[in-house]
Amino acid sequence: MTPKQKQNKHIPVLLDEVIDILSPKKGDLYLDLTAGYGGHASEILKLTNAQMTLVDRDENAITHLREVFKSQKVNIIHSDFLSASKMLAAQNKSFDLILADLGLSSPHIDNGERGFSIQKDGPLDMRMDNTQELTAELVVNSYSADDLTRILREYGEEPKAKRIASLIVANRPFSSTTQLAKVVASAWPGYSRVHPATRTFQAIRIEVNDELNLLKRSLPIWLSLLKPGGRLAIISFHSLEDTLVKRFFLENGGDKYDAVLEILTKRPLTASTSELVFNPRARSARLRVVRKRK
């Protein structure tokens, strides 16, 4: 990775691995379903001058993309990836390369006002699309103890889901991230290398943004958008996402006689030691890639 990339506020995760396995070529049609701040897209454009369609649900990211690519013929779509995928499919679009990086961007985490960070005080927001109504504050302050327990178990894989849900209900209302993090941490006394509220914040974020449902419904559409011989790459950051992706790839790929997909990553690719030195947030990234059979 170049010194310039290291200095950027947002460093695209697994950039070298994505470029290597997607093998972009001049004239390729490229679809980035979570374009964020354009890290992957910028590199692919520089290498291939590909025709690009970039999607993101975050207004700040869209503003940045329009500035970065203002001199290029790039199609930029402000939408969640499911809605954008449906629209592109209805238009009979198809692509040689499709990428979905399912993680949060650094600006999401570093800006306390977005409400994603455990470490930085901010409002309980957590919306990737700040025009939607459902926020983390609404989830925390209005969901029943049973519903909170369910999302903490399903989306956070939290062993103390019931205890934490009870603590949340008993200490409502909440208005800030640090207030919530402190109460959740009280369920896990003692030292922990990872903040004890991490799983809870993940679960609430997934609920607010409907992340797993969007991914599950989008995967078949992404397959239909892929040209024969085209590659689909998906970067996930927790086991729930990765399991959905792995299962879909196996159901449609492998050694079956009617398999539509060739699985290019028998095991997910992960960040190199050198990348982790200056991008520690890449430690949980998992990259899986398939190619559509001709």
C-alpha atoms as a PDB file:
ATOM      1  CA  MET A   1       0.000   0.000   0.000  1.00  0.00           C
ATOM      2  CA  THR A   2       1.291   3.449  -0.914  1.00  0.00           C
ATOM      3  CA  PRO A   3       2.121   6.194   1.613  1.00  0.00           C
ATOM      4  CA  LYS A   4      -0.768   8.210   0.196  1.00  0.00           C
ATOM      5  CA  GLN A   5      -3.210   5.407   0.965  1.00  0.00           C
ATOM      6  CA  LYS A   6      -1.850   5.180   4.498  1.00  0.00           C
ATOM      7  CA  GLN A   7      -2.559   8.879   5.040  1.00  0.00           C
ATOM      8  CA  ASN A   8      -6.152   8.716   3.844  1.00  0.00           C
ATOM      9  CA  LYS A   9      -8.812   9.008   6.509  1.00  0.00           C
ATOM     10  CA  HIS A  10     -10.447   5.864   5.214  1.00  0.00           C
ATOM     11  CA  ILE A  11      -8.237   2.973   4.097  1.00  0.00           C
ATOM     12  CA  PRO A  12      -9.968   0.436   1.832  1.00  0.00           C
ATOM     13  CA  VAL A  13      -9.745  -2.969   3.465  1.00  0.00           C
ATOM     14  CA  LEU A  14      -8.047  -5.904   1.693  1.00  0.00           C
ATOM     15  CA  LEU A  15      -7.312  -3.669  -1.301  1.00  0.00           C
ATOM     16  CA  ASP A  16      -4.439  -5.749  -2.697  1.00  0.00           C
ATOM     17  CA  GLU A  17      -6.378  -8.984  -2.269  1.00  0.00           C
ATOM     18  CA  VAL A  18      -9.473  -7.543  -3.968  1.00  0.00           C
ATOM     19  CA  ILE A  19      -7.496  -6.250  -6.941  1.00  0.00           C
ATOM     20  CA  ASP A  20      -5.554  -9.488  -7.301  1.00  0.00           C
ATOM     21  CA  ILE A  21      -8.524 -11.859  -7.267  1.00  0.00           C
ATOM     22  CA  LEU A  22     -10.956  -9.676  -9.216  1.00  0.00           C
ATOM     23  CA  SER A  23      -8.282  -9.216 -11.921  1.00  0.00           C
ATOM     24  CA  PRO A  24      -9.920  -6.120 -13.437  1.00  0.00           C
ATOM     25  CA  LYS A  25      -9.322  -5.534 -17.135  1.00  0.00           C
ATOM     26  CA  LYS A  26      -9.743  -2.526 -19.385  1.00  0.00           C
ATOM     27  CA  GLY A  27     -13.338  -2.009 -20.393  1.00  0.00           C
ATOM     28  CA  ASP A  28     -14.801  -4.054 -17.543  1.00  0.00           C
ATOM     29  CA  LEU A  29     -18.173  -3.027 -16.167  1.00  0.00           C
ATOM     30  CA  TYR A  30     -17.704  -2.578 -12.403  1.00  0.00           C
ATOM     31  CA  LEU A  31     -20.437  -2.384  -9.758  1.00  0.00           C
ATOM     32  CA  ASP A  32     -19.510  -1.352  -6.217  1.00  0.00           C
ATOM     33  CA  LEU A  33     -22.548  -1.832  -4.004  1.00  0.00           C
ATOM     34  CA  THR A  34     -21.023  -0.234  -0.911  1.00  0.00           C
ATOM     35  CA  ALA A  35     -18.704   2.303  -2.500  1.00  0.00           C
ATOM     36  CA  GLY A  36     -18.208   4.332   0.682  1.00  0.00           C
ATOM     37  CA  TYR A  37     -15.385   6.802   0.135  1.00  0.00           C
ATOM     38  CA  GLY A  38     -14.256   5.239  -3.133  1.00  0.00           C
ATOM     39  CA  GLY A  39     -11.084   3.449  -2.060  1.00  0.00           C
ATOM     40  CA  HIS A  40     -11.568   0.231  -4.021  1.00  0.00           C
ATOM     41  CA  ALA A  41     -13.242   2.004  -6.934  1.00  0.00           C
ATOM     42  CA  SER A  42     -10.464   4.578  -7.306  1.00  0.00           C
ATOM     43  CA  GLU A  43      -7.822   1.886  -7.562  1.00  0.00           C
ATOM     44  CA  ILE A  44      -9.783  -0.172 -10.097  1.00  0.00           C
ATOM     45  CA  LEU A  45     -10.480   2.935 -12.183  1.00  0.00           C
ATOM     46  CA  LYS A  46      -6.808   3.860 -12.146  1.00  0.00           C
ATOM     47  CA  LEU A  47      -5.784   0.385 -13.300  1.00  0.00           C
ATOM     48  CA  THR A  48      -8.431  -0.247 -15.945  1.00  0.00           C
ATOM     49  CA  ASN A  49     -10.528   2.833 -16.749  1.00  0.00           C
ATOM     50  CA  ALA A  50     -13.511   0.551 -16.065  1.00  0.00           C
ATOM     51  CA  GLN A  51     -17.078   1.737 -16.544  1.00  0.00           C
ATOM     52  CA  MET A  52     -18.291   2.149 -12.988  1.00  0.00           C
ATOM     53  CA  THR A  53     -21.559   2.136 -11.072  1.00  0.00           C
ATOM     54  CA  LEU A  54     -21.114   3.128  -7.438  1.00  0.00           C
ATOM     55  CA  VAL A  55     -23.815   2.669  -4.796  1.00  0.00           C
ATOM     56  CA  ASP A  56     -24.024   3.856  -1.203  1.00  0.00           C
ATOM     57  CA  ARG A  57     -26.840   4.600   1.233  1.00  0.00           C
ATOM     58  CA  ASP A  58     -24.879   7.209   3.203  1.00  0.00           C
ATOM     59  CA  GLU A  59     -25.382  10.824   2.118  1.00  0.00           C
ATOM     60  CA  ASN A  60     -21.900  11.911   3.242  1.00  0.00           C
ATOM     61  CA  ALA A  61     -20.308   9.119   1.223  1.00  0.00           C
ATOM     62  CA  ILE A  62     -22.343  10.052  -1.852  1.00  0.00           C
ATOM     63  CA  THR A  63     -21.219  13.688  -1.561  1.00  0.00           C
ATOM     64  CA  HIS A  64     -17.609  12.529  -1.337  1.00  0.00           C
ATOM     65  CA  LEU A  65     -17.955  10.157  -4.306  1.00  0.00           C
ATOM     66  CA  ARG A  66     -19.420  12.907  -6.476  1.00  0.00           C
ATOM     67  CA  GLU A  67     -16.456  15.099  -5.677  1.00  0.00           C
ATOM     68  CA  VAL A  68     -13.821  12.397  -6.188  1.00  0.00           C
ATOM     69  CA  PHE A  69     -15.255  11.189  -9.495  1.00  0.00           C
ATOM     70  CA  LYS A  70     -16.624  14.490 -10.827  1.00  0.00           C
ATOM     71  CA  SER A  71     -14.338  14.409 -13.862  1.00  0.00           C
ATOM     72  CA  GLN A  72     -15.140  10.770 -14.646  1.00  0.00           C
ATOM     73  CA  LYS A  73     -18.136   9.159 -16.311  1.00  0.00           C
ATOM     74  CA  VAL A  74     -19.240   7.287 -13.214  1.00  0.00           C
ATOM     75  CA  ASN A  75     -22.832   6.370 -12.364  1.00  0.00           C
ATOM     76  CA  ILE A  76     -23.406   7.172  -8.681  1.00  0.00           C
ATOM     77  CA  ILE A  77     -26.566   5.887  -6.972  1.00  0.00           C
ATOM     78  CA  HIS A  78     -27.716   7.060  -3.528  1.00  0.00           C
ATOM     79  CA  SER A  79     -29.531   3.985  -2.241  1.00  0.00           C
ATOM     80  CA  ASP A  80     -29.242   0.900  -0.095  1.00  0.00           C
ATOM     81  CA  PHE A  81     -27.742  -1.970  -2.071  1.00  0.00           C
ATOM     82  CA  LEU A  82     -30.941  -4.028  -2.208  1.00  0.00           C
ATOM     83  CA  SER A  83     -33.000  -1.239  -3.775  1.00  0.00           C
ATOM     84  CA  ALA A  84     -30.177  -0.360  -6.158  1.00  0.00           C
ATOM     85  CA  SER A  85     -29.734  -4.004  -7.149  1.00  0.00           C
ATOM     86  CA  LYS A  86     -33.441  -4.371  -7.899  1.00  0.00           C
ATOM     87  CA  MET A  87     -33.369  -1.222 -10.038  1.00  0.00           C
ATOM     88  CA  LEU A  88     -30.297  -2.345 -11.996  1.00  0.00           C
ATOM     89  CA  ALA A  89     -31.816  -5.794 -12.550  1.00  0.00           C
ATOM     90  CA  ALA A  90     -35.044  -4.209 -13.824  1.00  0.00           C
ATOM     91  CA  GLN A  91     -32.912  -2.248 -16.295  1.00  0.00           C
ATOM     92  CA  ASN A  92     -31.296  -5.515 -17.485  1.00  0.00           C
ATOM     93  CA  LYS A  93     -27.846  -4.320 -16.438  1.00  0.00           C
ATOM     94  CA  SER A  94     -24.970  -6.774 -16.074  1.00  0.00           C
ATOM     95  CA  PHE A  95     -21.422  -6.439 -14.794  1.00  0.00           C
ATOM     96  CA  ASP A  96     -18.022  -8.097 -15.093  1.00  0.00           C
ATOM     97  CA  LEU A  97     -17.022  -7.235 -11.531  1.00  0.00           C
ATOM     98  CA  ILE A  98     -19.194  -6.766  -8.452  1.00  0.00           C
ATOM     99  CA  LEU A  99     -17.900  -5.811  -5.010  1.00  0.00           C
ATOM    100  CA  ALA A 100     -19.747  -5.493  -1.708  1.00  0.00           C
ATOM    101  CA  ASP A 101     -17.707  -4.383   1.317  1.00  0.00           C
ATOM    102  CA  LEU A 102     -20.165  -4.868   4.174  1.00  0.00           C
ATOM    103  CA  GLY A 103     -18.132  -3.117   6.860  1.00  0.00           C
ATOM    104  CA  LEU A 104     -18.428   0.338   8.345  1.00  0.00           C
ATOM    105  CA  SER A 105     -16.161   3.010   6.925  1.00  0.00           C
ATOM    106  CA  SER A 106     -13.710   4.788   9.230  1.00  0.00           C
ATOM    107  CA  PRO A 107     -15.714   8.063   9.064  1.00  0.00           C
ATOM    108  CA  HIS A 108     -18.714   6.178  10.451  1.00  0.00           C
ATOM    109  CA  ILE A 109     -16.698   5.022  13.447  1.00  0.00           C
ATOM    110  CA  ASP A 110     -14.525   8.097  13.965  1.00  0.00           C
ATOM    111  CA  ASN A 111     -17.392  10.589  13.883  1.00  0.00           C
ATOM    112  CA  GLY A 112     -19.044  10.326  17.294  1.00  0.00           C
ATOM    113  CA  GLU A 113     -22.112  12.156  15.998  1.00  0.00           C
ATOM    114  CA  ARG A 114     -23.022   9.121  13.879  1.00  0.00           C
ATOM    115  CA  GLY A 115     -23.501   7.044  17.027  1.00  0.00           C
ATOM    116  CA  PHE A 116     -21.559   3.939  15.936  1.00  0.00           C
ATOM    117  CA  SER A 117     -18.607   4.293  18.292  1.00  0.00           C
ATOM    118  CA  ILE A 118     -18.411   2.853  21.778  1.00  0.00           C
ATOM    119  CA  GLN A 119     -15.390   4.989  22.624  1.00  0.00           C
ATOM    120  CA  LYS A 120     -16.651   8.387  21.432  1.00  0.00           C
ATOM    121  CA  ASP A 121     -19.649  10.011  23.021  1.00  0.00           C
ATOM    122  CA  GLY A 122     -22.494  10.790  20.663  1.00  0.00           C
ATOM    123  CA  PRO A 123     -26.214  10.411  20.088  1.00  0.00           C
ATOM    124  CA  LEU A 124     -27.671   6.925  19.775  1.00  0.00           C
ATOM    125  CA  ASP A 125     -28.103   7.021  16.017  1.00  0.00           C
ATOM    126  CA  MET A 126     -26.262   4.241  14.083  1.00  0.00           C
ATOM    127  CA  ARG A 127     -28.134   4.913  10.823  1.00  0.00           C
ATOM    128  CA  MET A 128     -26.153   4.354   7.639  1.00  0.00           C
ATOM    129  CA  ASP A 129     -28.929   6.242   5.862  1.00  0.00           C
ATOM    130  CA  ASN A 130     -29.668   9.265   8.025  1.00  0.00           C
ATOM    131  CA  THR A 131     -33.031   9.858   6.330  1.00  0.00           C
ATOM    132  CA  GLN A 132     -34.625   6.705   7.746  1.00  0.00           C
ATOM    133  CA  GLU A 133     -36.794   6.878  10.849  1.00  0.00           C
ATOM    134  CA  LEU A 134     -35.486   3.957  12.915  1.00  0.00           C
ATOM    135  CA  THR A 135     -32.511   4.887  15.105  1.00  0.00           C
ATOM    136  CA  ALA A 136     -30.584   3.141  17.851  1.00  0.00           C
ATOM    137  CA  GLU A 137     -32.259   5.447  20.351  1.00  0.00           C
ATOM    138  CA  LEU A 138     -35.687   4.197  19.298  1.00  0.00           C
ATOM    139  CA  VAL A 139     -34.551   0.572  19.529  1.00  0.00           C
ATOM    140  CA  VAL A 140     -32.988   0.987  22.967  1.00  0.00           C
ATOM    141  CA  ASN A 141     -35.789   3.062  24.470  1.00  0.00           C
ATOM    142  CA  SER A 142     -38.890   1.450  22.958  1.00  0.00           C
ATOM    143  CA  TYR A 143     -38.208  -2.253  22.316  1.00  0.00           C
ATOM    144  CA  SER A 144     -39.485  -4.717  24.891  1.00  0.00           C
ATOM    145  CA  ALA A 145     -37.057  -6.723  27.007  1.00  0.00           C
ATOM    146  CA  ASP A 146     -37.946  -9.830  24.977  1.00  0.00           C
ATOM    147  CA  ASP A 147     -37.254  -8.088  21.649  1.00  0.00           C
ATOM    148  CA  LEU A 148     -33.977  -6.675  22.926  1.00  0.00           C
ATOM    149  CA  THR A 149     -32.974 -10.130  24.156  1.00  0.00           C
ATOM    150  CA  ARG A 150     -33.785 -11.586  20.741  1.00  0.00           C
ATOM    151  CA  ILE A 151     -31.708  -9.113  18.722  1.00  0.00           C
ATOM    152  CA  LEU A 152     -28.786  -9.328  21.159  1.00  0.00           C
ATOM    153  CA  ARG A 153     -28.781 -13.121  20.809  1.00  0.00           C
ATOM    154  CA  GLU A 154     -29.393 -13.295  17.060  1.00  0.00           C
ATOM    155  CA  TYR A 155     -27.384 -10.314  15.827  1.00  0.00           C
ATOM    156  CA  GLY A 156     -24.775  -9.938  18.573  1.00  0.00           C
ATOM    157  CA  GLU A 157     -24.360 -13.581  19.618  1.00  0.00           C
ATOM    158  CA  GLU A 158     -24.307 -12.135  23.129  1.00  0.00           C
ATOM    159  CA  PRO A 159     -24.159 -14.796  25.914  1.00  0.00           C
ATOM    160  CA  LYS A 160     -25.666 -12.413  28.466  1.00  0.00           C
ATOM    161  CA  ALA A 161     -28.423 -11.134  26.192  1.00  0.00           C
ATOM    162  CA  LYS A 162     -31.233 -11.470  28.747  1.00  0.00           C
ATOM    163  CA  ARG A 163     -29.232  -9.799  31.519  1.00  0.00           C
ATOM    164  CA  ILE A 164     -28.195  -6.894  29.275  1.00  0.00           C
ATOM    165  CA  ALA A 165     -31.746  -6.429  27.986  1.00  0.00           C
ATOM    166  CA  SER A 166     -32.974  -6.212  31.583  1.00  0.00           C
ATOM    167  CA  LEU A 167     -30.309  -3.624  32.417  1.00  0.00           C
ATOM    168  CA  ILE A 168     -31.259  -1.551  29.382  1.00  0.00           C
ATOM    169  CA  VAL A 169     -34.960  -1.558  30.297  1.00  0.00           C
ATOM    170  CA  ALA A 170     -34.191  -0.729  33.951  1.00  0.00           C
ATOM    171  CA  ASN A 171     -31.983   2.252  33.042  1.00  0.00           C
ATOM    172  CA  ARG A 172     -34.051   3.842  30.283  1.00  0.00           C
ATOM    173  CA  PRO A 173     -34.174   6.354  28.746  1.00  0.00           C
ATOM    174  CA  PHE A 174     -30.797   6.459  26.999  1.00  0.00           C
ATOM    175  CA  SER A 175     -29.588   9.308  24.803  1.00  0.00           C
ATOM    176  CA  SER A 176     -25.844   8.739  24.295  1.00  0.00           C
ATOM    177  CA  THR A 177     -23.504   5.968  23.217  1.00  0.00           C
ATOM    178  CA  THR A 178     -21.274   6.196  26.266  1.00  0.00           C
ATOM    179  CA  GLN A 179     -24.293   6.024  28.582  1.00  0.00           C
ATOM    180  CA  LEU A 180     -25.432   2.797  26.922  1.00  0.00           C
ATOM    181  CA  ALA A 181     -21.912   1.342  26.782  1.00  0.00           C
ATOM    182  CA  LYS A 182     -21.417   1.926  30.513  1.00  0.00           C
ATOM    183  CA  VAL A 183     -24.638   0.153  31.477  1.00  0.00           C
ATOM    184  CA  VAL A 184     -23.932  -2.803  29.166  1.00  0.00           C
ATOM    185  CA  ALA A 185     -20.384  -3.086  30.502  1.00  0.00           C
ATOM    186  CA  SER A 186     -21.755  -3.506  34.030  1.00  0.00           C
ATOM    187  CA  ALA A 187     -22.991  -6.963  32.968  1.00  0.00           C
ATOM    188  CA  TRP A 188     -19.365  -7.961  32.357  1.00  0.00           C
ATOM    189  CA  PRO A 189     -17.300  -6.943  35.411  1.00  0.00           C
ATOM    190  CA  GLY A 190     -13.539  -7.240  35.220  1.00  0.00           C
ATOM    191  CA  TYR A 191     -10.962  -6.592  32.499  1.00  0.00           C
ATOM    192  CA  SER A 192     -11.699  -7.339  28.856  1.00  0.00           C
ATOM    193  CA  ARG A 193      -9.435  -6.688  25.861  1.00  0.00           C
ATOM    194  CA  VAL A 194     -12.501  -6.075  23.716  1.00  0.00           C
ATOM    195  CA  HIS A 195     -15.071  -3.632  25.077  1.00  0.00           C
ATOM    196  CA  PRO A 196     -17.901  -5.678  26.643  1.00  0.00           C
ATOM    197  CA  ALA A 197     -20.525  -3.601  24.789  1.00  0.00           C
ATOM    198  CA  THR A 198     -19.129  -4.492  21.355  1.00  0.00           C
ATOM    199  CA  ARG A 199     -21.606  -7.294  20.688  1.00  0.00           C
ATOM    200  CA  THR A 200     -24.531  -5.192  21.899  1.00  0.00           C
ATOM    201  CA  PHE A 201     -23.595  -2.277  19.628  1.00  0.00           C
ATOM    202  CA  GLN A 202     -23.217  -4.662  16.697  1.00  0.00           C
ATOM    203  CA  ALA A 203     -26.659  -6.155  17.324  1.00  0.00           C
ATOM    204  CA  ILE A 204     -28.371  -2.774  17.566  1.00  0.00           C
ATOM    205  CA  ARG A 205     -26.595  -1.508  14.442  1.00  0.00           C
ATOM    206  CA  ILE A 206     -27.702  -4.579  12.458  1.00  0.00           C
ATOM    207  CA  GLU A 207     -31.284  -4.077  13.652  1.00  0.00           C
ATOM    208  CA  VAL A 208     -31.315  -0.368  12.807  1.00  0.00           C
ATOM    209  CA  ASN A 209     -29.960  -0.909   9.292  1.00  0.00           C
ATOM    210  CA  ASP A 210     -31.667  -4.263   8.585  1.00  0.00           C
ATOM    211  CA  GLU A 211     -28.268  -5.500   7.441  1.00  0.00           C
ATOM    212  CA  LEU A 212     -28.728  -9.265   7.382  1.00  0.00           C
ATOM    213  CA  ASN A 213     -32.122  -9.135   5.701  1.00  0.00           C
ATOM    214  CA  LEU A 214     -30.795  -6.798   3.001  1.00  0.00           C
ATOM    215  CA  LEU A 215     -27.834  -9.092   2.375  1.00  0.00           C
ATOM    216  CA  LYS A 216     -29.922 -12.269   2.248  1.00  0.00           C
ATOM    217  CA  ARG A 217     -32.369 -10.748  -0.249  1.00  0.00           C
ATOM    218  CA  SER A 218     -29.620  -9.167  -2.351  1.00  0.00           C
ATOM    219  CA  LEU A 219     -27.418 -12.204  -2.948  1.00  0.00           C
ATOM    220  CA  PRO A 220     -29.626 -13.833  -5.631  1.00  0.00           C
ATOM    221  CA  ILE A 221     -29.963 -10.489  -7.416  1.00  0.00           C
ATOM    222  CA  TRP A 222     -26.192 -10.007  -7.438  1.00  0.00           C
ATOM    223  CA  LEU A 223     -25.864 -13.398  -9.077  1.00  0.00           C
ATOM    224  CA  SER A 224     -28.321 -12.348 -11.784  1.00  0.00           C
ATOM    225  CA  LEU A 225     -26.414  -9.080 -12.349  1.00  0.00           C
ATOM    226  CA  LEU A 226     -23.147 -10.940 -12.941  1.00  0.00           C
ATOM    227  CA  LYS A 227     -22.052 -11.619 -16.496  1.00  0.00           C
ATOM    228  CA  PRO A 228     -20.906 -15.135 -17.429  1.00  0.00           C
ATOM    229  CA  GLY A 229     -17.246 -15.251 -16.459  1.00  0.00           C
ATOM    230  CA  GLY A 230     -17.720 -12.307 -14.111  1.00  0.00           C
ATOM    231  CA  ARG A 231     -16.519 -12.171 -10.507  1.00  0.00           C
ATOM    232  CA  LEU A 232     -18.423 -11.334  -7.329  1.00  0.00           C
ATOM    233  CA  ALA A 233     -16.426 -10.373  -4.228  1.00  0.00           C
ATOM    234  CA  ILE A 234     -17.946  -9.880  -0.781  1.00  0.00           C
ATOM    235  CA  ILE A 235     -16.112  -8.631   2.303  1.00  0.00           C
ATOM    236  CA  SER A 236     -17.834  -9.426   5.608  1.00  0.00           C
ATOM    237  CA  PHE A 237     -16.862  -8.484   9.142  1.00  0.00           C
ATOM    238  CA  HIS A 238     -18.722 -10.854  11.440  1.00  0.00           C
ATOM    239  CA  SER A 239     -19.747 -14.479  11.419  1.00  0.00           C
ATOM    240  CA  LEU A 240     -23.431 -13.843  10.667  1.00  0.00           C
ATOM    241  CA  GLU A 241     -22.662 -12.094   7.385  1.00  0.00           C
ATOM    242  CA  ASP A 242     -19.924 -14.523   6.478  1.00  0.00           C
ATOM    243  CA  THR A 243     -22.189 -17.522   7.096  1.00  0.00           C
ATOM    244  CA  LEU A 244     -24.874 -16.106   4.786  1.00  0.00           C
ATOM    245  CA  VAL A 245     -22.326 -15.484   2.031  1.00  0.00           C
ATOM    246  CA  LYS A 246     -20.627 -18.861   2.433  1.00  0.00           C
ATOM    247  CA  ARG A 247     -23.936 -20.732   2.404  1.00  0.00           C
ATOM    248  CA  PHE A 248     -25.176 -18.921  -0.716  1.00  0.00           C
ATOM    249  CA  PHE A 249     -21.924 -19.589  -2.561  1.00  0.00           C
ATOM    250  CA  LEU A 250     -22.022 -23.282  -1.633  1.00  0.00           C
ATOM    251  CA  GLU A 251     -25.676 -23.625  -2.632  1.00  0.00           C
ATOM    252  CA  ASN A 252     -24.926 -22.198  -6.078  1.00  0.00           C
ATOM    253  CA  GLY A 253     -21.367 -23.393  -6.577  1.00  0.00           C
ATOM    254  CA  GLY A 254     -18.944 -26.190  -5.933  1.00  0.00           C
ATOM    255  CA  ASP A 255     -18.707 -29.497  -7.792  1.00  0.00           C
ATOM    256  CA  LYS A 256     -22.413 -29.986  -8.513  1.00  0.00           C
ATOM    257  CA  TYR A 257     -23.145 -30.635 -12.193  1.00  0.00           C
ATOM    258  CA  ASP A 258     -25.571 -27.703 -12.315  1.00  0.00           C
ATOM    259  CA  ALA A 259     -23.424 -25.295 -10.284  1.00  0.00           C
ATOM    260  CA  VAL A 260     -23.688 -21.710 -11.488  1.00  0.00           C
ATOM    261  CA  LEU A 261     -20.691 -20.460  -9.536  1.00  0.00           C
ATOM    262  CA  GLU A 262     -17.043 -21.415  -9.340  1.00  0.00           C
ATOM    263  CA  ILE A 263     -15.772 -20.710  -5.839  1.00  0.00           C
ATOM    264  CA  LEU A 264     -12.384 -18.957  -6.073  1.00  0.00           C
ATOM    265  CA  THR A 265     -11.747 -18.759  -2.325  1.00  0.00           C
ATOM    266  CA  LYS A 266     -12.022 -22.154  -0.636  1.00  0.00           C
ATOM    267  CA  ARG A 267     -11.294 -20.291   2.571  1.00  0.00           C
ATOM    268  CA  PRO A 268     -11.897 -16.566   3.049  1.00  0.00           C
ATOM    269  CA  LEU A 269      -8.957 -14.249   2.460  1.00  0.00           C
ATOM    270  CA  THR A 270      -7.901 -12.139   5.442  1.00  0.00           C
ATOM    271  CA  ALA A 271      -5.698  -9.109   6.025  1.00  0.00           C
ATOM    272  CA  SER A 272      -1.944  -9.478   5.882  1.00  0.00           C
ATOM    273  CA  THR A 273       0.240  -8.647   8.843  1.00  0.00           C
ATOM    274  CA  SER A 274       1.562  -5.597   7.021  1.00  0.00           C
ATOM    275  CA  GLU A 275      -1.969  -4.253   6.458  1.00  0.00           C
ATOM    276  CA  LEU A 276      -2.903  -4.737  10.098  1.00  0.00           C
ATOM    277  CA  VAL A 277      -0.001  -2.531  11.160  1.00  0.00           C
ATOM    278  CA  PHE A 278      -1.709   0.610   9.843  1.00  0.00           C
ATOM    279  CA  ASN A 279      -5.276  -0.639   9.456  1.00  0.00           C
ATOM    280  CA  PRO A 280      -6.096  -2.708  12.567  1.00  0.00           C
ATOM    281  CA  ARG A 281      -9.818  -2.507  11.764  1.00  0.00           C
ATOM    282  CA  ALA A 282      -9.139  -4.987   8.954  1.00  0.00           C
ATOM    283  CA  ARG A 283      -8.488  -7.776  11.448  1.00  0.00           C
ATOM    284  CA  SER A 284     -12.024  -9.176  11.219  1.00  0.00           C
ATOM    285  CA  ALA A 285     -12.465  -8.747   7.444  1.00  0.00           C
ATOM    286  CA  ARG A 286     -13.216 -11.893   5.416  1.00  0.00           C
ATOM    287  CA  LEU A 287     -13.157 -11.855   1.615  1.00  0.00           C
ATOM    288  CA  ARG A 288     -15.007 -14.507  -0.405  1.00  0.00           C
ATOM    289  CA  VAL A 289     -15.049 -14.502  -4.210  1.00  0.00           C
ATOM    290  CA  VAL A 290     -16.855 -16.495  -6.891  1.00  0.00           C
ATOM    291  CA  ARG A 291     -16.844 -16.519 -10.681  1.00  0.00           C
ATOM    292  CA  LYS A 292     -20.002 -17.124 -12.707  1.00  0.00           C
ATOM    293  CA  ARG A 293     -19.602 -20.097 -15.011  1.00  0.00           C
ATOM    294  CA  LYS A 294     -19.853 -19.444 -18.728  1.00  0.00           C
END
